[in-house]
Amino acid sequence: MDTYAHGYGLTGHYATPGTHTSYCGRELMHEPNTGIRNRICQPCAKAEAADRTAAEQVAADRSIDGPTLAERAGMRYCLVGTGRRVHYSNNDATLCGREVSEYTDGLDERHDSLCSPCIKAAEKRAYTRALAAASPLAAAAVDLAETVEDADTETEQADVIRVAARGYRKAGSGRVETVTTVHTNCTCRMASTLLGTYATMAEAEQVAADRVEGTGRTYGHCTWSRPLKSSTADDVEAAPFDQVARAVDAVEHAEQAGAAVDTVEDAEALYAAALVTEAEADAGTWRGEWIGEQAGDALFAIEPAAEQGALFAPDSRPAREPIVARATFRPADLARITAKAAADRATYRAETDDRIAAECAAHGVAPSQGVRDRIAARAAEQAPARRVIEGVVVSHNGTAQGSTPANATHPNVIAARAALDGLAVATMTDHHDVSEPTEAEQDVRGYLVDPREGDRVAVYWLEGGRIIRRDTPLDGAALDCLADRLARRGWRVEKMLRSSQCVFAHRPSTD
């Protein structure tokens, strides 16, 4: 975002969108001073950052092409204490590390802002999910990781059990009695009365009982409480972990076998086929069933424990060394995969930046500075190569010798520089302020040619980056030297006054 100056100062201010007034209340110049500023107004920087963050959130929440940031990151809106900010959470703690006191549906009249650390953490989580969607193997790994995480936190997220102690003043007396209440899956606001959030009902009731011990009162349950949703049955808790373990084994088997699978379901199907093949190979052997059964007309009676299969028990088999399989990858394949991943990441980042810029333009807000920097960098990479002009000395950092880069190709400037050959020449930029040079520009010394109408030019002399007058002691004689050189080279020089700041000369005719 461009910065603007107040008056002729070198401090950069941010303009309120659609106006020429800064966030700190100053009237700003119409031309930006981004290239020559030496510092940025802190109140403007803070106000612009807050305005930009709010605008980005509004644009994301109002987007009709995709889900909100909370949905893309898998988060829930929540509150912390009596604060006015809304946070993101996927368990009993917010993304910024605070304890959740209440879950909500989003922004409202009282809670009208979002927590900035939570927004940054949610953006990283959403970006990670989007990157995983571009690669099947990465998607499988993220899917397994999130499944394990959900299995670990499912019981905690399912039920919200809290204990609160609130003081009530009895009517007609100055006594205050404390009432302890257990809240289960309700939306009651606790604020400073919250004692804590607990994973099980037994812990919450124990804390409530300890709180009322010795007071002669008993704790109660909130009338808005809802029944517990989690189950304590072992088979219900073990089912998600069994499913995750099978999925992990399937993915590892697919990687070891070198199979080209794109989804976890394909890996599980391949793993199931391998298990069936192994079971069929074991059928009829000591690994599967007994080799045979005792015949009814056997000569000797054999005890059931001495059947033929018992001779091949695992304890009687000799120990075998484990087989270790190691996979190696060719450097060319790794380089190709790495390059493709980097290209896909850059393409996704560019598409995301373009979509954000389009949404911000549709809602009349400015995108973030990072988005605009990346778009400008891509535009610079795609810009055509600059044409080389012979006879003009232009440095690679946007400077020119004896004139500004914008006037370096003017024919009168080229002719004047040829006439002044051998004199000290000033290295100029398009943003050089010859009246109030910056500290970095105060080392510039030499002549400066500025083209005027027709064949006329104005030649200045700079000392310490600043133009001088003819009556300046010692340095003012440089203008007389410039006029003498141009006159001896055939230029028509106009008469100068004592207060003249430049030499006006006319280019000689070529007829």
Protein backbone atom coordinates (compact mmCIF):
# COMPACT_ATOMS: atom_id res chain seq x y z
CA MET A 1 0.00 0.00 0.00
CA ASP A 2 1.41 3.40 -1.00
CA THR A 3 2.23 6.00 1.62
CA TYR A 4 1.68 9.76 1.32
CA ALA A 5 3.41 12.75 2.87
CA HIS A 6 1.92 15.58 4.92
CA GLY A 7 3.34 18.74 3.35
CA TYR A 8 6.95 18.21 2.24
CA GLY A 9 7.96 15.89 5.08
CA LEU A 10 9.53 12.48 4.58
CA THR A 11 7.21 10.63 6.95
CA GLY A 12 4.84 8.16 5.25
CA HIS A 13 1.17 8.15 6.19
CA TYR A 14 -1.61 5.75 5.12
CA ALA A 15 -4.65 7.40 3.54
CA THR A 16 -8.17 6.48 4.56
CA PRO A 17 -9.72 4.63 1.55
CA GLY A 18 -11.37 7.06 -0.86
CA THR A 19 -9.92 10.24 0.75
CA HIS A 20 -6.70 12.22 1.03
CA THR A 21 -6.87 12.27 4.83
CA SER A 22 -4.58 10.04 6.86
CA TYR A 23 -5.74 7.73 9.61
CA CYS A 24 -4.14 10.14 12.10
CA GLY A 25 -6.21 13.07 10.75
CA ARG A 26 -3.68 14.91 8.51
CA GLU A 27 -4.31 16.23 4.99
CA LEU A 28 -2.01 14.39 2.60
CA MET A 29 -0.34 15.18 -0.73
CA HIS A 30 -1.86 13.65 -3.87
CA GLU A 31 1.35 11.98 -5.04
CA PRO A 32 2.72 9.00 -3.05
CA ASN A 33 6.10 9.20 -1.32
CA THR A 34 6.66 5.45 -1.01
CA GLY A 35 10.08 5.57 -2.66
CA ILE A 36 11.57 8.41 -0.58
CA ARG A 37 10.01 7.98 2.85
CA ASN A 38 12.36 7.38 5.77
CA ARG A 39 9.79 6.25 8.35
CA ILE A 40 6.05 5.46 8.70
CA CYS A 41 3.59 7.11 11.07
CA GLN A 42 2.90 4.58 13.84
CA PRO A 43 -0.78 5.61 14.47
CA CYS A 44 -1.45 5.27 10.73
CA ALA A 45 0.30 1.90 10.59
CA LYS A 46 -1.74 0.54 13.51
CA ALA A 47 -5.05 1.93 12.19
CA GLU A 48 -4.39 0.65 8.66
CA ALA A 49 -3.46 -2.81 9.95
CA ALA A 50 -6.67 -2.98 12.03
CA ASP A 51 -8.77 -1.73 9.09
CA ARG A 52 -7.14 -4.18 6.69
CA THR A 53 -7.62 -7.13 9.05
CA ALA A 54 -11.31 -6.29 9.52
CA ALA A 55 -11.80 -5.86 5.76
CA GLU A 56 -10.18 -9.21 4.97
CA GLN A 57 -12.38 -10.95 7.53
CA VAL A 58 -15.53 -9.29 6.15
CA ALA A 59 -14.57 -10.29 2.59
CA ALA A 60 -13.94 -13.90 3.68
CA ASP A 61 -17.20 -14.13 5.66
CA ARG A 62 -19.25 -12.65 2.81
CA SER A 63 -17.71 -14.80 0.11
CA ILE A 64 -20.31 -16.67 -1.91
CA ASP A 65 -17.79 -18.87 -3.76
CA GLY A 66 -16.54 -20.84 -0.78
CA PRO A 67 -16.82 -21.55 2.95
CA THR A 68 -15.77 -19.17 5.70
CA LEU A 69 -12.38 -19.27 7.40
CA ALA A 70 -13.86 -21.12 10.38
CA GLU A 71 -15.31 -23.80 8.12
CA ARG A 72 -12.14 -24.13 6.04
CA ALA A 73 -10.02 -24.54 9.19
CA GLY A 74 -12.55 -26.78 11.02
CA MET A 75 -12.94 -24.35 13.92
CA ARG A 76 -15.81 -23.18 16.15
CA TYR A 77 -16.54 -19.65 17.39
CA CYS A 78 -16.09 -19.17 21.13
CA LEU A 79 -15.73 -16.51 23.84
CA VAL A 80 -13.18 -16.03 26.63
CA GLY A 81 -14.41 -14.53 29.88
CA THR A 82 -16.10 -11.15 29.54
CA GLY A 83 -13.99 -9.99 26.58
CA ARG A 84 -15.46 -8.51 23.42
CA ARG A 85 -13.40 -10.58 21.01
CA VAL A 86 -14.52 -13.78 19.31
CA HIS A 87 -11.96 -16.61 19.15
CA TYR A 88 -11.51 -19.84 17.17
CA SER A 89 -11.35 -23.21 18.95
CA ASN A 90 -11.50 -26.94 18.17
CA ASN A 91 -11.48 -28.08 21.83
CA ASP A 92 -11.70 -26.41 25.26
CA ALA A 93 -8.77 -24.07 24.43
CA THR A 94 -8.65 -21.29 21.84
CA LEU A 95 -6.06 -21.18 19.07
CA CYS A 96 -4.31 -18.37 20.97
CA GLY A 97 -3.98 -20.56 24.10
CA ARG A 98 -6.85 -19.36 26.33
CA GLU A 99 -9.57 -21.34 28.08
CA VAL A 100 -12.99 -21.33 26.43
CA SER A 101 -15.84 -20.05 28.59
CA GLU A 102 -18.67 -20.20 26.04
CA TYR A 103 -19.34 -21.22 22.44
CA THR A 104 -21.19 -18.88 20.11
CA ASP A 105 -22.45 -18.68 16.53
CA GLY A 106 -20.16 -15.83 15.43
CA LEU A 107 -20.01 -12.05 15.64
CA ASP A 108 -22.85 -10.08 17.22
CA GLU A 109 -23.53 -6.57 18.49
CA ARG A 110 -21.46 -6.98 21.66
CA HIS A 111 -18.72 -9.23 20.29
CA ASP A 112 -17.82 -7.34 17.13
CA SER A 113 -14.17 -8.28 16.54
CA LEU A 114 -12.04 -11.40 16.05
CA CYS A 115 -8.82 -12.36 17.82
CA SER A 116 -5.84 -11.69 15.51
CA PRO A 117 -3.65 -14.61 16.77
CA CYS A 118 -6.60 -16.96 16.28
CA ILE A 119 -7.10 -15.66 12.71
CA LYS A 120 -3.43 -16.26 11.86
CA ALA A 121 -3.48 -19.78 13.31
CA ALA A 122 -6.72 -20.60 11.46
CA GLU A 123 -5.28 -19.32 8.17
CA LYS A 124 -2.23 -21.60 8.58
CA ARG A 125 -4.49 -24.59 9.30
CA ALA A 126 -6.71 -23.86 6.27
CA TYR A 127 -3.66 -23.39 4.04
CA THR A 128 -2.23 -26.73 5.21
CA ARG A 129 -5.48 -28.49 4.35
CA ALA A 130 -5.53 -26.88 0.91
CA LEU A 131 -1.96 -27.99 0.21
CA ALA A 132 -2.83 -31.52 1.26
CA ALA A 133 -5.71 -31.59 -1.23
CA ALA A 134 -3.26 -31.05 -4.11
CA SER A 135 -1.33 -34.28 -3.39
CA PRO A 136 -3.09 -37.67 -2.92
CA LEU A 137 -0.38 -39.07 -0.60
CA ALA A 138 -0.27 -35.86 1.45
CA ALA A 139 -4.07 -35.89 1.63
CA ALA A 140 -3.98 -39.47 2.93
CA ALA A 141 -1.45 -38.55 5.61
CA VAL A 142 -3.41 -35.46 6.69
CA ASP A 143 -6.63 -37.48 6.68
CA LEU A 144 -5.07 -40.07 8.99
CA ALA A 145 -3.58 -37.41 11.27
CA GLU A 146 -6.88 -35.56 11.59
CA THR A 147 -8.72 -38.83 12.19
CA VAL A 148 -6.35 -39.67 15.06
CA GLU A 149 -6.71 -36.14 16.43
CA ASP A 150 -10.50 -36.32 16.22
CA ALA A 151 -10.44 -39.71 17.94
CA ASP A 152 -8.30 -38.29 20.74
CA THR A 153 -10.48 -35.22 21.27
CA GLU A 154 -13.91 -36.53 20.33
CA THR A 155 -14.94 -37.19 23.93
CA GLU A 156 -13.72 -33.78 25.07
CA GLN A 157 -15.43 -31.94 22.22
CA ALA A 158 -18.68 -33.85 22.55
CA ASP A 159 -19.58 -32.59 26.03
CA VAL A 160 -18.86 -29.28 27.75
CA ILE A 161 -19.14 -29.69 31.54
CA ARG A 162 -18.50 -26.57 33.63
CA VAL A 163 -18.86 -25.55 37.27
CA ALA A 164 -19.73 -21.99 38.31
CA ALA A 165 -20.13 -20.31 41.70
CA ARG A 166 -22.22 -17.12 41.74
CA GLY A 167 -23.08 -14.90 44.68
CA TYR A 168 -26.70 -13.80 45.35
CA ARG A 169 -27.79 -11.14 47.82
CA LYS A 170 -30.86 -12.15 49.87
CA ALA A 171 -33.75 -9.71 49.74
CA GLY A 172 -34.05 -7.50 52.83
CA SER A 173 -30.62 -8.42 54.22
CA GLY A 174 -26.98 -7.75 53.54
CA ARG A 175 -26.02 -11.43 53.42
CA VAL A 176 -24.59 -12.85 50.21
CA GLU A 177 -24.98 -16.55 49.57
CA THR A 178 -22.87 -18.42 47.01
CA VAL A 179 -24.72 -20.90 44.80
CA THR A 180 -22.63 -23.58 43.07
CA THR A 181 -24.08 -24.98 39.82
CA VAL A 182 -22.98 -27.68 37.36
CA HIS A 183 -23.60 -26.73 33.72
CA THR A 184 -23.72 -29.45 31.07
CA ASN A 185 -23.77 -28.60 27.34
CA CYS A 186 -25.52 -25.27 27.94
CA THR A 187 -24.81 -21.80 26.57
CA CYS A 188 -24.92 -19.91 29.88
CA ARG A 189 -22.40 -17.12 30.31
CA MET A 190 -19.99 -17.64 33.19
CA ALA A 191 -17.50 -14.75 33.05
CA SER A 192 -15.62 -14.50 36.37
CA THR A 193 -17.94 -17.00 38.13
CA LEU A 194 -16.48 -19.94 36.16
CA LEU A 195 -14.54 -22.35 38.37
CA GLY A 196 -13.36 -24.63 35.55
CA THR A 197 -14.21 -26.96 32.67
CA TYR A 198 -13.99 -30.71 33.24
CA ALA A 199 -13.87 -33.79 31.05
CA THR A 200 -16.28 -35.98 33.04
CA MET A 201 -19.35 -35.42 35.14
CA ALA A 202 -17.70 -37.16 38.12
CA GLU A 203 -14.89 -34.60 38.23
CA ALA A 204 -17.32 -31.69 37.96
CA GLU A 205 -19.59 -33.02 40.73
CA GLN A 206 -16.55 -33.66 42.97
CA VAL A 207 -15.38 -30.05 42.53
CA ALA A 208 -18.89 -28.76 43.21
CA ALA A 209 -19.17 -30.93 46.34
CA ASP A 210 -15.82 -29.67 47.65
CA ARG A 211 -16.96 -26.11 47.01
CA VAL A 212 -20.11 -26.43 49.16
CA GLU A 213 -18.51 -28.57 51.88
CA GLY A 214 -19.02 -27.06 55.30
CA THR A 215 -21.57 -24.45 54.12
CA GLY A 216 -24.68 -26.50 54.81
CA ARG A 217 -25.80 -26.14 51.19
CA THR A 218 -25.77 -28.49 48.21
CA TYR A 219 -24.82 -27.84 44.62
CA GLY A 220 -27.37 -27.94 41.81
CA HIS A 221 -27.59 -28.49 38.07
CA CYS A 222 -28.39 -25.78 35.52
CA THR A 223 -31.98 -25.92 34.28
CA TRP A 224 -30.71 -25.30 30.74
CA SER A 225 -28.33 -28.26 30.83
CA ARG A 226 -28.55 -30.89 28.10
CA PRO A 227 -27.90 -34.64 28.36
CA LEU A 228 -24.41 -36.00 27.85
CA LYS A 229 -23.69 -36.99 24.26
CA SER A 230 -20.56 -39.12 24.75
CA SER A 231 -20.70 -42.87 25.48
CA THR A 232 -18.41 -44.69 27.91
CA ALA A 233 -18.76 -48.09 26.33
CA ASP A 234 -15.39 -49.68 25.50
CA ASP A 235 -16.43 -50.84 22.05
CA VAL A 236 -17.64 -47.37 21.08
CA GLU A 237 -14.37 -45.76 22.20
CA ALA A 238 -12.22 -48.46 20.57
CA ALA A 239 -13.96 -48.38 17.17
CA PRO A 240 -12.37 -45.12 15.89
CA PHE A 241 -8.89 -46.24 16.97
CA ASP A 242 -9.29 -49.66 15.29
CA GLN A 243 -10.37 -47.95 12.09
CA VAL A 244 -7.43 -45.55 12.22
CA ALA A 245 -4.96 -48.36 12.94
CA ARG A 246 -6.24 -50.35 9.96
CA ALA A 247 -5.95 -47.30 7.71
CA VAL A 248 -2.36 -46.69 8.87
CA ASP A 249 -1.41 -50.33 8.20
CA ALA A 250 -3.01 -50.11 4.74
CA VAL A 251 -1.07 -46.99 3.78
CA GLU A 252 2.23 -48.47 5.03
CA HIS A 253 1.55 -51.69 3.08
CA ALA A 254 0.85 -49.70 -0.10
CA GLU A 255 4.09 -47.72 0.29
CA GLN A 256 6.17 -50.86 0.90
CA ALA A 257 4.61 -52.65 -2.08
CA GLY A 258 5.12 -49.62 -4.34
CA ALA A 259 1.47 -49.63 -5.38
CA ALA A 260 0.07 -46.58 -7.20
CA VAL A 261 -2.91 -45.71 -4.99
CA ASP A 262 -4.53 -42.26 -4.74
CA THR A 263 -6.85 -42.60 -1.73
CA VAL A 264 -6.93 -44.33 1.65
CA GLU A 265 -9.88 -46.46 0.48
CA ASP A 266 -7.76 -47.90 -2.38
CA ALA A 267 -4.94 -48.66 0.07
CA GLU A 268 -7.37 -50.47 2.41
CA ALA A 269 -8.76 -52.53 -0.49
CA LEU A 270 -5.23 -53.56 -1.52
CA TYR A 271 -4.39 -54.43 2.09
CA ALA A 272 -7.56 -56.56 2.42
CA ALA A 273 -6.67 -58.49 -0.76
CA ALA A 274 -3.20 -59.19 0.65
CA LEU A 275 -4.69 -60.52 3.89
CA VAL A 276 -7.04 -62.84 1.97
CA THR A 277 -4.14 -64.15 -0.13
CA GLU A 278 -2.09 -64.83 3.01
CA ALA A 279 -5.02 -66.64 4.68
CA GLU A 280 -5.50 -68.87 1.61
CA ALA A 281 -1.80 -69.74 1.63
CA ASP A 282 -1.98 -70.73 5.31
CA ALA A 283 -5.03 -72.97 4.87
CA GLY A 284 -4.31 -76.69 5.58
CA THR A 285 -0.96 -76.07 7.30
CA TRP A 286 0.17 -75.77 10.89
CA ARG A 287 -0.34 -71.99 10.67
CA GLY A 288 -4.00 -72.37 9.81
CA GLU A 289 -5.68 -75.54 11.01
CA TRP A 290 -4.56 -78.91 12.42
CA ILE A 291 -2.90 -81.16 9.87
CA GLY A 292 -5.34 -83.94 10.58
CA GLU A 293 -7.51 -85.56 13.13
CA GLN A 294 -7.16 -88.93 14.89
CA ALA A 295 -8.77 -91.81 12.97
CA GLY A 296 -11.34 -93.88 14.77
CA ASP A 297 -9.56 -97.20 14.09
CA ALA A 298 -6.08 -96.11 15.24
CA LEU A 299 -3.87 -98.79 16.74
CA PHE A 300 -2.88 -96.60 19.70
CA ALA A 301 -5.07 -94.17 21.57
CA ILE A 302 -3.74 -90.58 21.20
CA GLU A 303 -4.58 -87.90 23.68
CA PRO A 304 -6.13 -84.73 22.22
CA ALA A 305 -3.16 -82.68 23.42
CA ALA A 306 -0.80 -84.85 21.35
CA GLU A 307 -2.38 -84.23 17.96
CA GLN A 308 -0.08 -83.86 14.99
CA GLY A 309 -0.57 -80.12 14.86
CA ALA A 310 0.92 -79.78 18.34
CA LEU A 311 4.25 -80.98 16.97
CA PHE A 312 4.46 -77.75 14.95
CA ALA A 313 3.66 -75.34 17.77
CA PRO A 314 5.36 -71.93 17.47
CA ASP A 315 7.62 -72.69 20.45
CA SER A 316 9.12 -75.70 18.69
CA ARG A 317 9.99 -73.83 15.48
CA PRO A 318 13.56 -72.48 15.08
CA ALA A 319 13.95 -68.71 15.38
CA ARG A 320 14.23 -66.83 12.11
CA GLU A 321 15.92 -63.49 11.55
CA PRO A 322 13.53 -60.72 10.60
CA ILE A 323 13.58 -59.50 7.02
CA VAL A 324 14.21 -55.76 6.73
CA ALA A 325 13.07 -54.09 3.50
CA ARG A 326 14.61 -50.73 2.62
CA ALA A 327 13.28 -48.45 -0.10
CA THR A 328 15.56 -46.11 -2.05
CA PHE A 329 14.60 -43.26 -4.35
CA ARG A 330 16.52 -42.02 -7.34
CA PRO A 331 17.75 -38.40 -7.10
CA ALA A 332 16.15 -37.53 -10.43
CA ASP A 333 12.73 -38.70 -9.23
CA LEU A 334 13.07 -36.76 -5.97
CA ALA A 335 14.08 -33.61 -7.87
CA ARG A 336 11.13 -34.01 -10.25
CA ILE A 337 8.65 -34.49 -7.39
CA THR A 338 10.11 -31.54 -5.47
CA ALA A 339 9.92 -29.27 -8.53
CA LYS A 340 6.33 -30.29 -9.23
CA ALA A 341 5.33 -29.67 -5.61
CA ALA A 342 6.95 -26.21 -5.70
CA ALA A 343 5.20 -25.36 -8.98
CA ASP A 344 1.84 -26.57 -7.66
CA ARG A 345 2.35 -24.55 -4.47
CA ALA A 346 3.19 -21.41 -6.46
CA THR A 347 0.18 -21.92 -8.75
CA TYR A 348 -2.14 -22.38 -5.79
CA ARG A 349 -0.72 -19.31 -4.05
CA ALA A 350 -1.18 -17.22 -7.22
CA GLU A 351 -4.78 -18.39 -7.71
CA THR A 352 -5.55 -17.66 -4.05
CA ASP A 353 -4.05 -14.15 -4.28
CA ASP A 354 -6.04 -13.38 -7.44
CA ARG A 355 -9.26 -14.62 -5.85
CA ILE A 356 -8.64 -12.56 -2.69
CA ALA A 357 -7.91 -9.45 -4.78
CA ALA A 358 -11.10 -9.97 -6.82
CA GLU A 359 -13.23 -10.42 -3.70
CA CYS A 360 -11.73 -7.33 -2.06
CA ALA A 361 -12.34 -5.30 -5.23
CA ALA A 362 -15.96 -6.47 -5.35
CA HIS A 363 -16.51 -5.32 -1.75
CA GLY A 364 -14.57 -2.08 -2.11
CA VAL A 365 -11.73 -2.93 0.28
CA ALA A 366 -7.97 -3.18 -0.24
CA PRO A 367 -6.22 -6.58 -0.03
CA SER A 368 -3.40 -7.16 2.42
CA GLN A 369 0.11 -5.87 1.76
CA GLY A 370 1.48 -9.41 1.32
CA VAL A 371 -1.10 -10.23 -1.37
CA ARG A 372 -0.34 -7.02 -3.26
CA ASP A 373 3.42 -7.61 -3.02
CA ARG A 374 3.11 -11.12 -4.46
CA ILE A 375 0.87 -9.90 -7.33
CA ALA A 376 3.34 -7.11 -8.13
CA ALA A 377 6.25 -9.57 -8.08
CA ARG A 378 4.47 -11.87 -10.53
CA ALA A 379 3.68 -8.90 -12.80
CA ALA A 380 7.35 -7.86 -12.73
CA GLU A 381 8.47 -11.37 -13.70
CA GLN A 382 6.05 -11.40 -16.66
CA ALA A 383 6.98 -7.86 -17.86
CA PRO A 384 8.79 -7.64 -21.26
CA ALA A 385 12.51 -6.94 -21.36
CA ARG A 386 13.51 -3.26 -21.52
CA ARG A 387 14.91 -1.83 -24.76
CA VAL A 388 18.57 -0.82 -24.67
CA ILE A 389 19.18 2.80 -25.85
CA GLU A 390 22.65 3.55 -27.09
CA GLY A 391 24.38 6.72 -25.95
CA VAL A 392 22.62 6.90 -22.54
CA VAL A 393 24.28 5.78 -19.31
CA VAL A 394 21.59 4.44 -16.98
CA SER A 395 22.51 2.37 -13.95
CA HIS A 396 20.60 -0.79 -12.95
CA ASN A 397 19.22 0.65 -9.72
CA GLY A 398 17.01 3.32 -11.38
CA THR A 399 19.59 6.17 -11.64
CA ALA A 400 20.99 8.23 -14.53
CA GLN A 401 24.11 10.39 -15.04
CA GLY A 402 23.53 14.14 -15.50
CA SER A 403 19.72 13.91 -15.65
CA THR A 404 16.82 12.02 -14.16
CA PRO A 405 16.12 8.56 -15.64
CA ALA A 406 12.87 9.91 -17.12
CA ASN A 407 14.77 12.54 -19.18
CA ALA A 408 17.85 10.47 -20.02
CA THR A 409 16.72 9.75 -23.61
CA HIS A 410 15.82 13.37 -24.50
CA PRO A 411 17.94 14.57 -27.48
CA ASN A 412 18.67 17.97 -25.89
CA VAL A 413 19.88 16.24 -22.73
CA ILE A 414 22.17 13.97 -24.75
CA ALA A 415 23.60 16.95 -26.65
CA ALA A 416 24.14 18.99 -23.45
CA ARG A 417 25.94 16.10 -21.78
CA ALA A 418 28.21 15.81 -24.82
CA ALA A 419 29.01 19.54 -24.58
CA LEU A 420 29.74 19.28 -20.84
CA ASP A 421 31.94 16.22 -21.22
CA GLY A 422 34.69 16.08 -18.61
CA LEU A 423 32.87 18.02 -15.87
CA ALA A 424 31.52 16.46 -12.68
CA VAL A 425 28.16 14.81 -13.33
CA ALA A 426 25.41 14.18 -10.76
CA THR A 427 23.89 10.71 -10.31
CA MET A 428 20.13 11.28 -10.13
CA THR A 429 16.92 9.31 -9.50
CA ASP A 430 13.35 10.20 -10.38
CA HIS A 431 12.57 10.78 -6.68
CA HIS A 432 15.56 13.03 -5.85
CA ASP A 433 14.40 16.18 -4.02
CA VAL A 434 16.89 18.91 -5.02
CA SER A 435 15.46 21.29 -2.36
CA GLU A 436 15.47 18.96 0.66
CA PRO A 437 17.65 15.94 -0.14
CA THR A 438 17.64 12.93 2.13
CA GLU A 439 20.73 11.77 4.00
CA ALA A 440 21.51 9.22 1.28
CA GLU A 441 21.17 11.90 -1.45
CA GLN A 442 23.51 14.45 0.18
CA ASP A 443 26.57 12.85 -1.44
CA VAL A 444 25.43 13.85 -4.97
CA ARG A 445 27.58 16.54 -6.65
CA GLY A 446 27.75 17.72 -10.28
CA TYR A 447 25.66 19.19 -13.07
CA LEU A 448 22.01 18.30 -13.80
CA VAL A 449 20.38 18.89 -17.23
CA ASP A 450 16.62 19.45 -17.35
CA PRO A 451 14.99 19.75 -20.86
CA ARG A 452 12.57 22.61 -21.47
CA GLU A 453 10.42 23.63 -24.46
CA GLY A 454 11.95 23.60 -27.93
CA ASP A 455 15.76 23.49 -28.01
CA ARG A 456 16.09 25.03 -24.54
CA VAL A 457 17.62 23.30 -21.51
CA ALA A 458 18.23 24.29 -17.89
CA VAL A 459 21.58 23.23 -16.41
CA TYR A 460 21.83 23.14 -12.59
CA TRP A 461 24.81 22.59 -10.29
CA LEU A 462 24.30 20.38 -7.19
CA GLU A 463 26.40 20.52 -4.04
CA GLY A 464 25.46 18.10 -1.25
CA GLY A 465 22.46 16.95 -3.30
CA ARG A 466 20.98 20.51 -3.34
CA ILE A 467 20.89 23.08 -6.19
CA ILE A 468 22.87 26.31 -5.61
CA ARG A 469 22.43 29.96 -6.64
CA ARG A 470 24.91 32.05 -8.60
CA ASP A 471 25.53 34.33 -5.61
CA THR A 472 26.40 31.37 -3.32
CA PRO A 473 29.95 31.91 -1.99
CA LEU A 474 32.60 29.66 -3.57
CA ASP A 475 30.12 27.16 -5.14
CA GLY A 476 28.18 29.78 -7.16
CA ALA A 477 31.04 30.14 -9.65
CA ALA A 478 30.19 26.65 -10.97
CA LEU A 479 27.23 28.15 -12.91
CA ASP A 480 29.61 30.56 -14.68
CA CYS A 481 31.84 27.61 -15.61
CA LEU A 482 28.85 25.75 -17.08
CA ALA A 483 27.79 28.84 -19.08
CA ASP A 484 31.33 29.35 -20.42
CA ARG A 485 31.63 25.69 -21.50
CA LEU A 486 28.28 25.74 -23.33
CA ALA A 487 29.07 29.05 -25.04
CA ARG A 488 32.45 27.78 -26.29
CA ARG A 489 30.71 24.66 -27.67
CA GLY A 490 28.32 26.77 -29.77
CA TRP A 491 25.29 26.96 -27.45
CA ARG A 492 23.42 30.25 -27.04
CA VAL A 493 23.45 31.06 -23.32
CA GLU A 494 20.91 33.45 -21.79
CA LYS A 495 22.01 36.21 -19.41
CA MET A 496 22.10 35.18 -15.76
CA LEU A 497 21.25 37.23 -12.66
CA ARG A 498 22.89 37.09 -9.25
CA SER A 499 19.94 35.05 -7.95
CA SER A 500 19.89 32.61 -10.89
CA GLN A 501 19.77 28.94 -9.94
CA CYS A 502 20.52 27.51 -13.38
CA VAL A 503 21.96 28.27 -16.80
CA PHE A 504 19.40 28.51 -19.62
CA ALA A 505 20.97 27.55 -22.96
CA HIS A 506 19.71 26.82 -26.48
CA ARG A 507 20.98 23.90 -28.50
CA PRO A 508 22.85 24.99 -31.65
CA SER A 509 21.11 24.40 -34.93
CA THR A 510 22.29 21.46 -37.01
CA ASP A 511 21.45 23.18 -40.37
